[in-house]
Amino acid sequence: MAFTLFPHNLVGTWTSGNGNSKVILDFNADGKFNVTVDGALENQGTYSFKQDTFTMYDANCGKGIPGKYKMTFFTPDSAAFKLIADSCKGRSGEIDGGRIRRIK
């Protein structure tokens, strides 16, 4: 039996959370992202994704403050974030341990 790795690609629309709010994450091919909660824009910024490392800069924490996370993909359409380094406590509190699912 052969083990095949699937390519990891964040580009597209994802959902997060299990609460009462509808959280949507849009990752664009140009390295920009938007986060909407219940249809209202909550955050936006830029990101990069190389191998298993996700790095982001967002409006809520300041454009010069990076957040760096390890991503573990369970399938091509589901993943989780694990904190590597992020001095923005509000962001790291929301993202560390978070899971996302791709919306098709």
Protein backbone atom coordinates (compact mmCIF):
# COMPACT_ATOMS: atom_id res chain seq x y z
CA MET A 1 0.00 0.00 0.00
CA ALA A 2 1.45 3.37 -1.01
CA PHE A 3 1.04 6.54 1.01
CA THR A 4 0.31 9.59 -1.13
CA LEU A 5 0.59 13.15 0.11
CA PHE A 6 -1.96 15.59 -1.21
CA PRO A 7 -0.93 19.14 -2.05
CA HIS A 8 -1.87 21.65 0.64
CA ASN A 9 -3.67 24.66 -0.77
CA LEU A 10 -5.40 27.36 1.28
CA VAL A 11 -6.84 29.31 -1.64
CA GLY A 12 -10.60 29.28 -1.37
CA THR A 13 -13.37 29.71 1.19
CA TRP A 14 -13.25 28.04 4.60
CA THR A 15 -15.39 28.02 7.73
CA SER A 16 -14.32 27.91 11.35
CA GLY A 17 -15.84 27.43 14.76
CA ASN A 18 -18.68 25.51 16.29
CA GLY A 19 -20.49 28.41 17.94
CA ASN A 20 -23.57 30.34 17.01
CA SER A 21 -21.68 32.72 14.69
CA LYS A 22 -20.98 31.97 11.05
CA VAL A 23 -17.24 32.55 10.52
CA ILE A 24 -15.99 32.59 6.91
CA LEU A 25 -12.33 32.83 5.87
CA ASP A 26 -11.47 33.71 2.27
CA PHE A 27 -7.87 33.04 1.22
CA ASN A 28 -7.03 34.58 -2.16
CA ALA A 29 -4.30 33.46 -4.57
CA ASP A 30 -2.65 36.92 -4.29
CA GLY A 31 -1.84 36.33 -0.58
CA LYS A 32 -4.71 38.39 0.85
CA PHE A 33 -7.41 37.15 3.21
CA ASN A 34 -10.70 38.33 4.69
CA VAL A 35 -12.56 37.09 7.74
CA THR A 36 -16.29 37.70 8.03
CA VAL A 37 -18.48 36.91 11.02
CA ASP A 38 -22.20 36.70 10.39
CA GLY A 39 -21.68 38.52 7.10
CA ALA A 40 -19.71 41.49 8.51
CA LEU A 41 -16.02 42.00 7.76
CA GLU A 42 -14.10 41.37 10.99
CA ASN A 43 -10.49 41.25 9.80
CA GLN A 44 -8.28 41.28 6.72
CA GLY A 45 -4.62 41.12 5.84
CA THR A 46 -1.98 39.12 4.04
CA TYR A 47 -0.69 35.58 4.48
CA SER A 48 1.88 33.15 3.19
CA PHE A 49 1.84 29.38 3.38
CA LYS A 50 5.01 27.33 2.83
CA GLN A 51 5.20 23.61 3.56
CA ASP A 52 3.40 23.43 6.92
CA THR A 53 3.95 27.03 8.09
CA PHE A 54 1.23 29.69 7.89
CA THR A 55 2.32 33.30 8.47
CA MET A 56 -0.14 36.18 8.62
CA TYR A 57 -0.24 39.94 9.03
CA ASP A 58 -3.65 41.44 9.80
CA ALA A 59 -5.35 44.77 10.42
CA ASN A 60 -6.44 43.93 13.97
CA CYS A 61 -2.91 43.28 15.28
CA GLY A 62 -1.03 45.74 13.11
CA LYS A 63 0.47 45.14 9.71
CA GLY A 64 4.02 44.79 11.06
CA ILE A 65 3.26 42.09 13.63
CA PRO A 66 3.45 38.56 12.18
CA GLY A 67 1.66 35.53 13.49
CA LYS A 68 3.28 32.20 12.67
CA TYR A 69 1.46 28.85 12.97
CA LYS A 70 2.09 25.23 12.05
CA MET A 71 -0.75 23.77 10.01
CA THR A 72 -1.77 20.14 10.18
CA PHE A 73 -4.00 18.96 7.36
CA PHE A 74 -6.32 16.06 8.10
CA THR A 75 -7.68 16.03 4.53
CA PRO A 76 -7.24 18.51 1.65
CA ASP A 77 -10.32 20.27 3.04
CA SER A 78 -9.71 20.32 6.81
CA ALA A 79 -6.83 21.60 8.89
CA ALA A 80 -5.78 22.86 12.33
CA PHE A 81 -3.44 25.62 13.52
CA LYS A 82 -0.75 25.29 16.24
CA LEU A 83 1.07 28.35 17.56
CA ILE A 84 4.75 28.75 16.61
CA ALA A 85 5.15 32.46 17.50
CA ASP A 86 2.73 35.38 17.77
CA SER A 87 3.09 38.40 20.07
CA CYS A 88 -0.52 39.45 19.38
CA LYS A 89 -2.37 37.71 22.24
CA GLY A 90 -5.85 38.35 20.86
CA ARG A 91 -5.01 36.73 17.53
CA SER A 92 -3.08 33.80 18.98
CA GLY A 93 -5.93 33.14 21.42
CA GLU A 94 -8.36 32.81 18.51
CA ILE A 95 -6.14 30.88 16.09
CA ASP A 96 -4.05 28.49 18.23
CA GLY A 97 -5.83 25.13 18.23
CA GLY A 98 -8.43 26.36 15.74
CA ARG A 99 -9.74 24.15 12.96
CA ILE A 100 -11.01 25.10 9.53
CA ARG A 101 -13.06 23.27 6.87
CA ARG A 102 -13.18 24.17 3.21
CA ILE A 103 -16.56 25.20 1.81
CA LYS A 104 -17.14 23.66 -1.61
